[in-house]
Amino acid sequence: MRKKLLTALIFIVILGGILYGMQRVLKLNTGHRGTDAVKGFYLEEPDSLDVVFLGASTMFCTADPKVLEAEFGIRSYDFGASAQPLRLTSLFATEVFKTQHPKVVCLEMLGVCKQINVKNASAMNYSLMDLPLSADKIAACYRMTDGDIGDTLSLLIPFVQYKDRWQELTAEDFEKKPLELSKGAYTPDLIADEQPDFSEYYDADTTEATEIPGDTYAAIREIKALCDANGARLLFFKAPNGGFTKGESLAIEKLSAELDVPYLNLFEAMDEMAIDLDHDFRDNTHFNCYGSAKATKYIGEYLRAHYGL
């Protein structure tokens, strides 16, 4: 019986090694949209960060930790990924406090009023693929998929999603790519062909706050509770992006008052930041390196003035 058990164990170990190797090749390298930012966070020296920025692409295209450190001496990291719903950002907040104890956590509020389909594994991969497997990750995926085991496994195991990608493999997929260690930021030297359209924010005459979905509201409260328990102060901020509405901003203002969390609205600071709509964006939603530098300096001044950083 012991011999059979040992044989079975050896088989499982070998099979696991083969599947792990296959998964490493088959899964997509999401680069700056996920892989580099997520893996890079765990290379940071423990308890070395003053500030952690959380959120989706509007976060890591706005706040540039290298500018923040050069200008203000504030050590920070952009810990997030593209297409990240706030329901998933709460898992990232949990990961933050496992190795870091920042004084301030800055939460970018993109998607605060959007009902995002978290069962869309291909979108969730930007965040989940390179996040270490843990009980917290399993529990978060289980909750997000409403307890569907199949959907949960699809989020947790990239091999399930990419098992058919073998037909697309090239020699490049077998190369180990170096991480682009930019403290999580992505601020390219690209200039949009057209001005971004912010009319849904500036031209709206609404006075009604858009409703925040219940699961998103719960996730934000979880992030607030994590910050409180770990002695960090939470700051809501919103970077300019096309499609964001006045009603969504009013919803953040309402939540800000309810939770006693400051709200830094960069839509209302465009003139003060000297943002040039013809030069400072790479598309309708994201700053380029020029706009990001201006926004980061504005955020840095705010952090210095309000948190003594």
C-alpha atoms as a PDB file:
ATOM      1  CA  MET A   1       0.000   0.000   0.000  1.00  0.00           C
ATOM      2  CA  ARG A   2       2.850   2.387   0.871  1.00  0.00           C
ATOM      3  CA  LYS A   3       4.492   1.630  -2.468  1.00  0.00           C
ATOM      4  CA  LYS A   4       1.264   2.455  -4.331  1.00  0.00           C
ATOM      5  CA  LEU A   5       0.829   5.694  -2.399  1.00  0.00           C
ATOM      6  CA  LEU A   6       4.430   6.695  -3.097  1.00  0.00           C
ATOM      7  CA  THR A   7       3.988   5.903  -6.793  1.00  0.00           C
ATOM      8  CA  ALA A   8       0.793   7.962  -6.899  1.00  0.00           C
ATOM      9  CA  LEU A   9       2.504  10.863  -5.124  1.00  0.00           C
ATOM     10  CA  ILE A  10       5.445  10.811  -7.541  1.00  0.00           C
ATOM     11  CA  PHE A  11       3.018  10.745 -10.477  1.00  0.00           C
ATOM     12  CA  ILE A  12       1.101  13.746  -9.098  1.00  0.00           C
ATOM     13  CA  VAL A  13       4.322  15.706  -8.527  1.00  0.00           C
ATOM     14  CA  ILE A  14       5.574  14.968 -12.053  1.00  0.00           C
ATOM     15  CA  LEU A  15       2.184  15.788 -13.598  1.00  0.00           C
ATOM     16  CA  GLY A  16       2.011  19.008 -11.599  1.00  0.00           C
ATOM     17  CA  GLY A  17       5.484  19.991 -12.789  1.00  0.00           C
ATOM     18  CA  ILE A  18       4.557  19.318 -16.410  1.00  0.00           C
ATOM     19  CA  LEU A  19       1.311  21.301 -16.145  1.00  0.00           C
ATOM     20  CA  TYR A  20       3.092  24.178 -14.407  1.00  0.00           C
ATOM     21  CA  GLY A  21       5.692  24.314 -17.174  1.00  0.00           C
ATOM     22  CA  MET A  22       2.986  24.185 -19.832  1.00  0.00           C
ATOM     23  CA  GLN A  23       1.015  26.920 -18.106  1.00  0.00           C
ATOM     24  CA  ARG A  24       4.082  29.176 -17.934  1.00  0.00           C
ATOM     25  CA  VAL A  25       4.399  28.941 -21.715  1.00  0.00           C
ATOM     26  CA  LEU A  26       0.697  29.007 -22.583  1.00  0.00           C
ATOM     27  CA  LYS A  27      -0.440  31.873 -20.393  1.00  0.00           C
ATOM     28  CA  LEU A  28      -0.202  35.376 -21.790  1.00  0.00           C
ATOM     29  CA  ASN A  29       2.429  37.813 -20.584  1.00  0.00           C
ATOM     30  CA  THR A  30       0.340  40.913 -19.941  1.00  0.00           C
ATOM     31  CA  GLY A  31       3.369  43.198 -19.572  1.00  0.00           C
ATOM     32  CA  HIS A  32       2.673  46.649 -18.161  1.00  0.00           C
ATOM     33  CA  ARG A  33      -1.058  45.895 -18.104  1.00  0.00           C
ATOM     34  CA  GLY A  34      -0.571  43.375 -15.310  1.00  0.00           C
ATOM     35  CA  THR A  35       2.442  41.084 -15.130  1.00  0.00           C
ATOM     36  CA  ASP A  36       5.178  43.678 -14.586  1.00  0.00           C
ATOM     37  CA  ALA A  37       3.193  45.746 -12.082  1.00  0.00           C
ATOM     38  CA  VAL A  38       1.977  42.764 -10.056  1.00  0.00           C
ATOM     39  CA  LYS A  39       5.251  40.845  -9.918  1.00  0.00           C
ATOM     40  CA  GLY A  40       7.264  44.000  -9.347  1.00  0.00           C
ATOM     41  CA  PHE A  41       5.323  44.823  -6.180  1.00  0.00           C
ATOM     42  CA  TYR A  42       6.590  41.677  -4.474  1.00  0.00           C
ATOM     43  CA  LEU A  43      10.182  42.679  -5.234  1.00  0.00           C
ATOM     44  CA  GLU A  44       9.833  45.808  -3.124  1.00  0.00           C
ATOM     45  CA  GLU A  45      11.651  45.784   0.222  1.00  0.00           C
ATOM     46  CA  PRO A  46       9.107  45.052   3.001  1.00  0.00           C
ATOM     47  CA  ASP A  47       7.779  48.141   4.778  1.00  0.00           C
ATOM     48  CA  SER A  48       9.572  50.435   2.338  1.00  0.00           C
ATOM     49  CA  LEU A  49       6.593  52.298   0.863  1.00  0.00           C
ATOM     50  CA  ASP A  50       4.985  55.509   2.116  1.00  0.00           C
ATOM     51  CA  VAL A  51       2.100  55.371  -0.354  1.00  0.00           C
ATOM     52  CA  VAL A  52       0.417  52.658  -2.413  1.00  0.00           C
ATOM     53  CA  PHE A  53      -1.834  53.511  -5.346  1.00  0.00           C
ATOM     54  CA  LEU A  54      -4.615  51.033  -6.125  1.00  0.00           C
ATOM     55  CA  GLY A  55      -6.903  50.728  -9.127  1.00  0.00           C
ATOM     56  CA  ALA A  56      -7.038  50.148 -12.858  1.00  0.00           C
ATOM     57  CA  SER A  57      -5.147  51.683 -15.803  1.00  0.00           C
ATOM     58  CA  THR A  58      -6.250  55.249 -15.051  1.00  0.00           C
ATOM     59  CA  MET A  59      -4.313  54.845 -11.806  1.00  0.00           C
ATOM     60  CA  PHE A  60      -1.013  53.599 -13.195  1.00  0.00           C
ATOM     61  CA  CYS A  61      -1.124  56.051 -16.114  1.00  0.00           C
ATOM     62  CA  THR A  62      -1.650  58.989 -13.750  1.00  0.00           C
ATOM     63  CA  ALA A  63       0.559  58.521 -10.684  1.00  0.00           C
ATOM     64  CA  ASP A  64       4.236  57.962 -11.473  1.00  0.00           C
ATOM     65  CA  PRO A  65       6.155  56.727  -8.383  1.00  0.00           C
ATOM     66  CA  LYS A  66       9.522  57.677  -9.887  1.00  0.00           C
ATOM     67  CA  VAL A  67       8.416  61.294 -10.304  1.00  0.00           C
ATOM     68  CA  LEU A  68       6.892  61.266  -6.822  1.00  0.00           C
ATOM     69  CA  GLU A  69      10.162  60.106  -5.261  1.00  0.00           C
ATOM     70  CA  ALA A  70      12.363  62.433  -7.307  1.00  0.00           C
ATOM     71  CA  GLU A  71      10.247  65.516  -6.561  1.00  0.00           C
ATOM     72  CA  PHE A  72       9.099  64.820  -2.999  1.00  0.00           C
ATOM     73  CA  GLY A  73      11.091  61.890  -1.622  1.00  0.00           C
ATOM     74  CA  ILE A  74       7.838  59.925  -1.291  1.00  0.00           C
ATOM     75  CA  ARG A  75       8.288  56.206  -1.898  1.00  0.00           C
ATOM     76  CA  SER A  76       5.275  54.660  -3.610  1.00  0.00           C
ATOM     77  CA  TYR A  77       4.030  51.908  -5.921  1.00  0.00           C
ATOM     78  CA  ASP A  78       1.228  51.577  -8.491  1.00  0.00           C
ATOM     79  CA  PHE A  79      -0.281  48.237  -7.511  1.00  0.00           C
ATOM     80  CA  GLY A  80      -3.041  47.452  -9.961  1.00  0.00           C
ATOM     81  CA  ALA A  81      -3.852  46.200 -13.446  1.00  0.00           C
ATOM     82  CA  SER A  82      -5.925  47.002 -16.519  1.00  0.00           C
ATOM     83  CA  ALA A  83      -9.684  46.448 -16.403  1.00  0.00           C
ATOM     84  CA  GLN A  84      -9.581  45.914 -12.652  1.00  0.00           C
ATOM     85  CA  PRO A  85     -12.999  46.246 -10.977  1.00  0.00           C
ATOM     86  CA  LEU A  86     -13.045  47.659  -7.452  1.00  0.00           C
ATOM     87  CA  ARG A  87     -14.326  44.294  -6.246  1.00  0.00           C
ATOM     88  CA  LEU A  88     -10.942  42.889  -7.195  1.00  0.00           C
ATOM     89  CA  THR A  89      -9.013  45.901  -5.934  1.00  0.00           C
ATOM     90  CA  SER A  90     -10.016  44.893  -2.400  1.00  0.00           C
ATOM     91  CA  LEU A  91      -7.935  41.710  -2.875  1.00  0.00           C
ATOM     92  CA  PHE A  92      -4.966  43.856  -3.913  1.00  0.00           C
ATOM     93  CA  ALA A  93      -5.447  45.920  -0.754  1.00  0.00           C
ATOM     94  CA  THR A  94      -5.278  42.704   1.271  1.00  0.00           C
ATOM     95  CA  GLU A  95      -1.996  41.824  -0.463  1.00  0.00           C
ATOM     96  CA  VAL A  96      -0.539  45.265   0.260  1.00  0.00           C
ATOM     97  CA  PHE A  97      -0.673  44.856   4.025  1.00  0.00           C
ATOM     98  CA  LYS A  98       1.011  41.458   3.947  1.00  0.00           C
ATOM     99  CA  THR A  99       4.371  43.092   3.167  1.00  0.00           C
ATOM    100  CA  GLN A 100       3.865  46.867   3.425  1.00  0.00           C
ATOM    101  CA  HIS A 101       2.459  49.358   5.916  1.00  0.00           C
ATOM    102  CA  PRO A 102       2.015  52.551   3.899  1.00  0.00           C
ATOM    103  CA  LYS A 103       0.882  55.754   5.557  1.00  0.00           C
ATOM    104  CA  VAL A 104      -1.580  56.468   2.730  1.00  0.00           C
ATOM    105  CA  VAL A 105      -3.487  54.279   0.277  1.00  0.00           C
ATOM    106  CA  CYS A 106      -4.723  56.191  -2.797  1.00  0.00           C
ATOM    107  CA  LEU A 107      -7.695  54.511  -4.471  1.00  0.00           C
ATOM    108  CA  GLU A 108      -8.498  55.496  -8.077  1.00  0.00           C
ATOM    109  CA  MET A 109     -12.272  55.288  -8.457  1.00  0.00           C
ATOM    110  CA  LEU A 110     -12.694  54.247 -12.095  1.00  0.00           C
ATOM    111  CA  GLY A 111     -15.736  52.012 -12.478  1.00  0.00           C
ATOM    112  CA  VAL A 112     -17.217  52.979  -9.124  1.00  0.00           C
ATOM    113  CA  CYS A 113     -20.729  52.910 -10.576  1.00  0.00           C
ATOM    114  CA  LYS A 114     -20.197  50.282 -13.289  1.00  0.00           C
ATOM    115  CA  GLN A 115     -21.475  46.738 -12.961  1.00  0.00           C
ATOM    116  CA  ILE A 116     -18.482  44.805 -14.319  1.00  0.00           C
ATOM    117  CA  ASN A 117     -18.727  41.181 -15.370  1.00  0.00           C
ATOM    118  CA  VAL A 118     -16.061  39.561 -13.206  1.00  0.00           C
ATOM    119  CA  LYS A 119     -16.735  36.205 -14.887  1.00  0.00           C
ATOM    120  CA  ASN A 120     -14.970  37.570 -17.972  1.00  0.00           C
ATOM    121  CA  ALA A 121     -11.749  35.686 -17.236  1.00  0.00           C
ATOM    122  CA  SER A 122      -9.773  37.233 -20.091  1.00  0.00           C
ATOM    123  CA  ALA A 123     -10.258  40.719 -18.594  1.00  0.00           C
ATOM    124  CA  MET A 124      -9.633  39.554 -15.024  1.00  0.00           C
ATOM    125  CA  ASN A 125      -6.344  37.927 -16.066  1.00  0.00           C
ATOM    126  CA  TYR A 126      -4.541  41.253 -16.048  1.00  0.00           C
ATOM    127  CA  SER A 127      -4.992  41.310 -12.287  1.00  0.00           C
ATOM    128  CA  LEU A 128      -5.208  37.672 -11.298  1.00  0.00           C
ATOM    129  CA  MET A 129      -2.700  35.794 -13.426  1.00  0.00           C
ATOM    130  CA  ASP A 130       0.440  36.906 -11.594  1.00  0.00           C
ATOM    131  CA  LEU A 131      -1.066  37.394  -8.148  1.00  0.00           C
ATOM    132  CA  PRO A 132       0.288  34.603  -5.872  1.00  0.00           C
ATOM    133  CA  LEU A 133      -2.123  31.814  -5.053  1.00  0.00           C
ATOM    134  CA  SER A 134      -3.421  32.195  -1.510  1.00  0.00           C
ATOM    135  CA  ALA A 135      -6.497  31.532   0.595  1.00  0.00           C
ATOM    136  CA  ASP A 136      -7.433  35.203   0.118  1.00  0.00           C
ATOM    137  CA  LYS A 137      -7.234  34.906  -3.665  1.00  0.00           C
ATOM    138  CA  ILE A 138      -9.322  31.729  -3.704  1.00  0.00           C
ATOM    139  CA  ALA A 139     -11.952  33.267  -1.423  1.00  0.00           C
ATOM    140  CA  ALA A 140     -12.099  36.467  -3.490  1.00  0.00           C
ATOM    141  CA  CYS A 141     -12.580  34.591  -6.757  1.00  0.00           C
ATOM    142  CA  TYR A 142     -15.236  32.377  -5.170  1.00  0.00           C
ATOM    143  CA  ARG A 143     -17.153  35.437  -3.948  1.00  0.00           C
ATOM    144  CA  MET A 144     -16.822  37.295  -7.242  1.00  0.00           C
ATOM    145  CA  THR A 145     -18.243  34.348  -9.204  1.00  0.00           C
ATOM    146  CA  ASP A 146     -21.096  33.873  -6.723  1.00  0.00           C
ATOM    147  CA  GLY A 147     -19.781  30.482  -5.693  1.00  0.00           C
ATOM    148  CA  ASP A 148     -19.594  28.962  -9.190  1.00  0.00           C
ATOM    149  CA  ILE A 149     -16.780  26.382  -8.925  1.00  0.00           C
ATOM    150  CA  GLY A 150     -16.134  26.263 -12.682  1.00  0.00           C
ATOM    151  CA  ASP A 151     -15.843  30.044 -13.003  1.00  0.00           C
ATOM    152  CA  THR A 152     -13.703  30.185  -9.871  1.00  0.00           C
ATOM    153  CA  LEU A 153     -11.246  27.630 -11.253  1.00  0.00           C
ATOM    154  CA  SER A 154     -11.136  29.489 -14.552  1.00  0.00           C
ATOM    155  CA  LEU A 155     -10.032  32.645 -12.724  1.00  0.00           C
ATOM    156  CA  LEU A 156      -7.526  30.788 -10.555  1.00  0.00           C
ATOM    157  CA  ILE A 157      -5.911  28.514 -13.134  1.00  0.00           C
ATOM    158  CA  PRO A 158      -4.788  30.220 -16.367  1.00  0.00           C
ATOM    159  CA  PHE A 159      -4.176  26.785 -17.922  1.00  0.00           C
ATOM    160  CA  VAL A 160      -7.952  26.283 -18.059  1.00  0.00           C
ATOM    161  CA  GLN A 161      -8.306  29.375 -20.241  1.00  0.00           C
ATOM    162  CA  TYR A 162      -5.212  28.979 -22.417  1.00  0.00           C
ATOM    163  CA  LYS A 163      -5.101  25.231 -23.005  1.00  0.00           C
ATOM    164  CA  ASP A 164      -5.933  25.804 -26.681  1.00  0.00           C
ATOM    165  CA  ARG A 165      -3.330  28.536 -27.248  1.00  0.00           C
ATOM    166  CA  TRP A 166      -0.684  25.966 -28.250  1.00  0.00           C
ATOM    167  CA  GLN A 167      -1.669  26.554 -31.882  1.00  0.00           C
ATOM    168  CA  GLU A 168      -0.538  30.202 -31.606  1.00  0.00           C
ATOM    169  CA  LEU A 169       2.799  29.618 -29.855  1.00  0.00           C
ATOM    170  CA  THR A 170       5.991  31.057 -31.319  1.00  0.00           C
ATOM    171  CA  ALA A 171       9.615  30.853 -30.204  1.00  0.00           C
ATOM    172  CA  GLU A 172       9.092  34.093 -28.269  1.00  0.00           C
ATOM    173  CA  ASP A 173       6.633  32.377 -25.921  1.00  0.00           C
ATOM    174  CA  PHE A 174       9.411  30.102 -24.648  1.00  0.00           C
ATOM    175  CA  GLU A 175      11.690  33.013 -23.764  1.00  0.00           C
ATOM    176  CA  LYS A 176      11.793  34.305 -20.205  1.00  0.00           C
ATOM    177  CA  LYS A 177      10.937  37.989 -20.504  1.00  0.00           C
ATOM    178  CA  PRO A 178      12.541  40.460 -18.098  1.00  0.00           C
ATOM    179  CA  LEU A 179      10.196  42.550 -15.996  1.00  0.00           C
ATOM    180  CA  GLU A 180       9.889  46.240 -16.797  1.00  0.00           C
ATOM    181  CA  LEU A 181      10.331  47.577 -13.271  1.00  0.00           C
ATOM    182  CA  SER A 182       8.671  50.984 -13.399  1.00  0.00           C
ATOM    183  CA  LYS A 183       7.116  50.857  -9.909  1.00  0.00           C
ATOM    184  CA  GLY A 184       3.915  49.802 -11.678  1.00  0.00           C
ATOM    185  CA  ALA A 185       3.528  52.971 -13.749  1.00  0.00           C
ATOM    186  CA  TYR A 186       2.934  53.099 -17.497  1.00  0.00           C
ATOM    187  CA  THR A 187       3.617  56.561 -18.908  1.00  0.00           C
ATOM    188  CA  PRO A 188       4.636  56.301 -22.580  1.00  0.00           C
ATOM    189  CA  ASP A 189       5.794  59.117 -24.808  1.00  0.00           C
ATOM    190  CA  LEU A 190       2.659  58.993 -26.968  1.00  0.00           C
ATOM    191  CA  ILE A 191       0.336  61.849 -27.897  1.00  0.00           C
ATOM    192  CA  ALA A 192      -3.300  61.269 -28.850  1.00  0.00           C
ATOM    193  CA  ASP A 193      -4.391  62.241 -32.351  1.00  0.00           C
ATOM    194  CA  GLU A 194      -7.467  63.996 -30.958  1.00  0.00           C
ATOM    195  CA  GLN A 195      -8.359  65.776 -27.744  1.00  0.00           C
ATOM    196  CA  PRO A 196     -10.014  63.528 -25.145  1.00  0.00           C
ATOM    197  CA  ASP A 197     -13.768  63.986 -24.792  1.00  0.00           C
ATOM    198  CA  PHE A 198     -14.755  64.853 -21.213  1.00  0.00           C
ATOM    199  CA  SER A 199     -18.171  66.222 -22.092  1.00  0.00           C
ATOM    200  CA  GLU A 200     -20.036  63.676 -19.934  1.00  0.00           C
ATOM    201  CA  TYR A 201     -18.401  65.294 -16.928  1.00  0.00           C
ATOM    202  CA  TYR A 202     -18.060  68.968 -17.806  1.00  0.00           C
ATOM    203  CA  ASP A 203     -21.224  69.462 -19.863  1.00  0.00           C
ATOM    204  CA  ALA A 204     -23.620  67.541 -17.625  1.00  0.00           C
ATOM    205  CA  ASP A 205     -26.125  69.491 -15.527  1.00  0.00           C
ATOM    206  CA  THR A 206     -27.105  66.560 -13.337  1.00  0.00           C
ATOM    207  CA  THR A 207     -27.362  67.011  -9.578  1.00  0.00           C
ATOM    208  CA  GLU A 208     -28.175  63.368  -8.860  1.00  0.00           C
ATOM    209  CA  ALA A 209     -25.529  60.912  -7.723  1.00  0.00           C
ATOM    210  CA  THR A 210     -25.341  57.698  -9.732  1.00  0.00           C
ATOM    211  CA  GLU A 211     -26.029  54.573  -7.684  1.00  0.00           C
ATOM    212  CA  ILE A 212     -23.024  52.495  -6.619  1.00  0.00           C
ATOM    213  CA  PRO A 213     -23.626  48.733  -7.054  1.00  0.00           C
ATOM    214  CA  GLY A 214     -23.893  46.903  -3.744  1.00  0.00           C
ATOM    215  CA  ASP A 215     -20.894  44.613  -4.300  1.00  0.00           C
ATOM    216  CA  THR A 216     -18.676  47.565  -5.264  1.00  0.00           C
ATOM    217  CA  TYR A 217     -19.857  49.519  -2.226  1.00  0.00           C
ATOM    218  CA  ALA A 218     -19.004  46.517  -0.022  1.00  0.00           C
ATOM    219  CA  ALA A 219     -15.529  46.238  -1.610  1.00  0.00           C
ATOM    220  CA  ILE A 220     -14.757  49.900  -0.937  1.00  0.00           C
ATOM    221  CA  ARG A 221     -15.830  49.481   2.684  1.00  0.00           C
ATOM    222  CA  GLU A 222     -13.523  46.453   2.908  1.00  0.00           C
ATOM    223  CA  ILE A 223     -10.611  48.557   1.643  1.00  0.00           C
ATOM    224  CA  LYS A 224     -11.452  51.276   4.184  1.00  0.00           C
ATOM    225  CA  ALA A 225     -11.573  48.693   6.993  1.00  0.00           C
ATOM    226  CA  LEU A 226      -8.207  47.241   5.933  1.00  0.00           C
ATOM    227  CA  CYS A 227      -6.639  50.700   5.958  1.00  0.00           C
ATOM    228  CA  ASP A 228      -8.091  51.497   9.378  1.00  0.00           C
ATOM    229  CA  ALA A 229      -6.889  48.198  10.828  1.00  0.00           C
ATOM    230  CA  ASN A 230      -3.364  48.786   9.530  1.00  0.00           C
ATOM    231  CA  GLY A 231      -2.991  52.434  10.428  1.00  0.00           C
ATOM    232  CA  ALA A 232      -3.157  53.710   6.833  1.00  0.00           C
ATOM    233  CA  ARG A 233      -5.234  56.662   5.681  1.00  0.00           C
ATOM    234  CA  LEU A 234      -7.412  56.142   2.614  1.00  0.00           C
ATOM    235  CA  LEU A 235      -7.693  58.751  -0.145  1.00  0.00           C
ATOM    236  CA  PHE A 236     -10.125  58.560  -3.048  1.00  0.00           C
ATOM    237  CA  PHE A 237      -8.915  60.158  -6.273  1.00  0.00           C
ATOM    238  CA  LYS A 238     -10.209  60.355  -9.819  1.00  0.00           C
ATOM    239  CA  ALA A 239      -8.045  60.860 -12.865  1.00  0.00           C
ATOM    240  CA  PRO A 240      -9.684  62.412 -15.941  1.00  0.00           C
ATOM    241  CA  ASN A 241     -10.978  59.844 -18.417  1.00  0.00           C
ATOM    242  CA  GLY A 242     -13.486  59.862 -21.229  1.00  0.00           C
ATOM    243  CA  GLY A 243     -16.881  58.445 -20.292  1.00  0.00           C
ATOM    244  CA  PHE A 244     -16.691  59.358 -16.609  1.00  0.00           C
ATOM    245  CA  THR A 245     -19.839  61.235 -15.628  1.00  0.00           C
ATOM    246  CA  LYS A 246     -20.777  64.013 -13.234  1.00  0.00           C
ATOM    247  CA  GLY A 247     -23.233  61.627 -11.574  1.00  0.00           C
ATOM    248  CA  GLU A 248     -20.403  59.194 -10.813  1.00  0.00           C
ATOM    249  CA  SER A 249     -18.358  61.982  -9.278  1.00  0.00           C
ATOM    250  CA  LEU A 250     -21.307  62.983  -7.108  1.00  0.00           C
ATOM    251  CA  ALA A 251     -21.555  59.350  -5.988  1.00  0.00           C
ATOM    252  CA  ILE A 252     -17.898  59.478  -4.879  1.00  0.00           C
ATOM    253  CA  GLU A 253     -18.528  62.756  -3.059  1.00  0.00           C
ATOM    254  CA  LYS A 254     -21.446  61.161  -1.212  1.00  0.00           C
ATOM    255  CA  LEU A 255     -19.348  58.110  -0.319  1.00  0.00           C
ATOM    256  CA  SER A 256     -16.476  60.374   0.724  1.00  0.00           C
ATOM    257  CA  ALA A 257     -18.714  62.136   3.243  1.00  0.00           C
ATOM    258  CA  GLU A 258     -20.207  58.884   4.518  1.00  0.00           C
ATOM    259  CA  LEU A 259     -16.860  57.138   5.099  1.00  0.00           C
ATOM    260  CA  ASP A 260     -14.939  60.280   6.059  1.00  0.00           C
ATOM    261  CA  VAL A 261     -12.429  59.716   3.239  1.00  0.00           C
ATOM    262  CA  PRO A 262     -11.035  62.725   1.307  1.00  0.00           C
ATOM    263  CA  TYR A 263     -11.755  62.892  -2.430  1.00  0.00           C
ATOM    264  CA  LEU A 264      -9.155  64.395  -4.760  1.00  0.00           C
ATOM    265  CA  ASN A 265     -10.958  65.114  -8.037  1.00  0.00           C
ATOM    266  CA  LEU A 266      -8.417  65.857 -10.774  1.00  0.00           C
ATOM    267  CA  PHE A 267     -11.188  66.871 -13.176  1.00  0.00           C
ATOM    268  CA  GLU A 268     -11.483  70.008 -11.057  1.00  0.00           C
ATOM    269  CA  ALA A 269      -7.728  70.651 -11.076  1.00  0.00           C
ATOM    270  CA  MET A 270      -7.016  70.626 -14.807  1.00  0.00           C
ATOM    271  CA  ASP A 271      -6.172  74.348 -14.951  1.00  0.00           C
ATOM    272  CA  GLU A 272      -4.113  74.213 -11.758  1.00  0.00           C
ATOM    273  CA  MET A 273      -2.133  71.268 -13.180  1.00  0.00           C
ATOM    274  CA  ALA A 274      -1.715  73.184 -16.474  1.00  0.00           C
ATOM    275  CA  ILE A 275      -3.005  70.212 -18.455  1.00  0.00           C
ATOM    276  CA  ASP A 276      -2.806  70.648 -22.235  1.00  0.00           C
ATOM    277  CA  LEU A 277      -5.541  68.560 -23.886  1.00  0.00           C
ATOM    278  CA  ASP A 278      -3.607  68.549 -27.161  1.00  0.00           C
ATOM    279  CA  HIS A 279      -0.385  67.252 -25.628  1.00  0.00           C
ATOM    280  CA  ASP A 280      -0.862  65.477 -22.280  1.00  0.00           C
ATOM    281  CA  PHE A 281      -2.963  62.407 -23.161  1.00  0.00           C
ATOM    282  CA  ARG A 282      -2.128  59.285 -25.135  1.00  0.00           C
ATOM    283  CA  ASP A 283      -5.802  58.484 -25.779  1.00  0.00           C
ATOM    284  CA  ASN A 284      -9.285  59.366 -24.554  1.00  0.00           C
ATOM    285  CA  THR A 285      -8.711  57.782 -21.161  1.00  0.00           C
ATOM    286  CA  HIS A 286      -5.039  57.904 -20.167  1.00  0.00           C
ATOM    287  CA  PHE A 287      -2.368  60.501 -19.518  1.00  0.00           C
ATOM    288  CA  ASN A 288       0.955  60.164 -21.355  1.00  0.00           C
ATOM    289  CA  CYS A 289       4.313  60.875 -19.674  1.00  0.00           C
ATOM    290  CA  TYR A 290       3.752  64.646 -19.906  1.00  0.00           C
ATOM    291  CA  GLY A 291       0.307  64.654 -18.326  1.00  0.00           C
ATOM    292  CA  SER A 292       1.296  62.047 -15.770  1.00  0.00           C
ATOM    293  CA  ALA A 293       4.251  64.138 -14.579  1.00  0.00           C
ATOM    294  CA  LYS A 294       1.959  67.133 -14.037  1.00  0.00           C
ATOM    295  CA  ALA A 295      -0.702  65.066 -12.263  1.00  0.00           C
ATOM    296  CA  THR A 296       1.883  63.313 -10.083  1.00  0.00           C
ATOM    297  CA  LYS A 297       3.364  66.624  -8.931  1.00  0.00           C
ATOM    298  CA  TYR A 298      -0.133  67.831  -8.045  1.00  0.00           C
ATOM    299  CA  ILE A 299      -0.813  64.634  -6.080  1.00  0.00           C
ATOM    300  CA  GLY A 300       2.578  64.952  -4.406  1.00  0.00           C
ATOM    301  CA  GLU A 301       1.805  68.499  -3.245  1.00  0.00           C
ATOM    302  CA  TYR A 302      -1.505  67.254  -1.838  1.00  0.00           C
ATOM    303  CA  LEU A 303       0.169  64.367   0.009  1.00  0.00           C
ATOM    304  CA  ARG A 304       2.803  66.689   1.440  1.00  0.00           C
ATOM    305  CA  ALA A 305       0.242  69.272   2.548  1.00  0.00           C
ATOM    306  CA  HIS A 306      -2.319  66.888   4.045  1.00  0.00           C
ATOM    307  CA  TYR A 307      -0.275  63.917   5.265  1.00  0.00           C
ATOM    308  CA  GLY A 308       3.126  65.414   6.007  1.00  0.00           C
ATOM    309  CA  LEU A 309       4.865  63.181   3.481  1.00  0.00           C
END
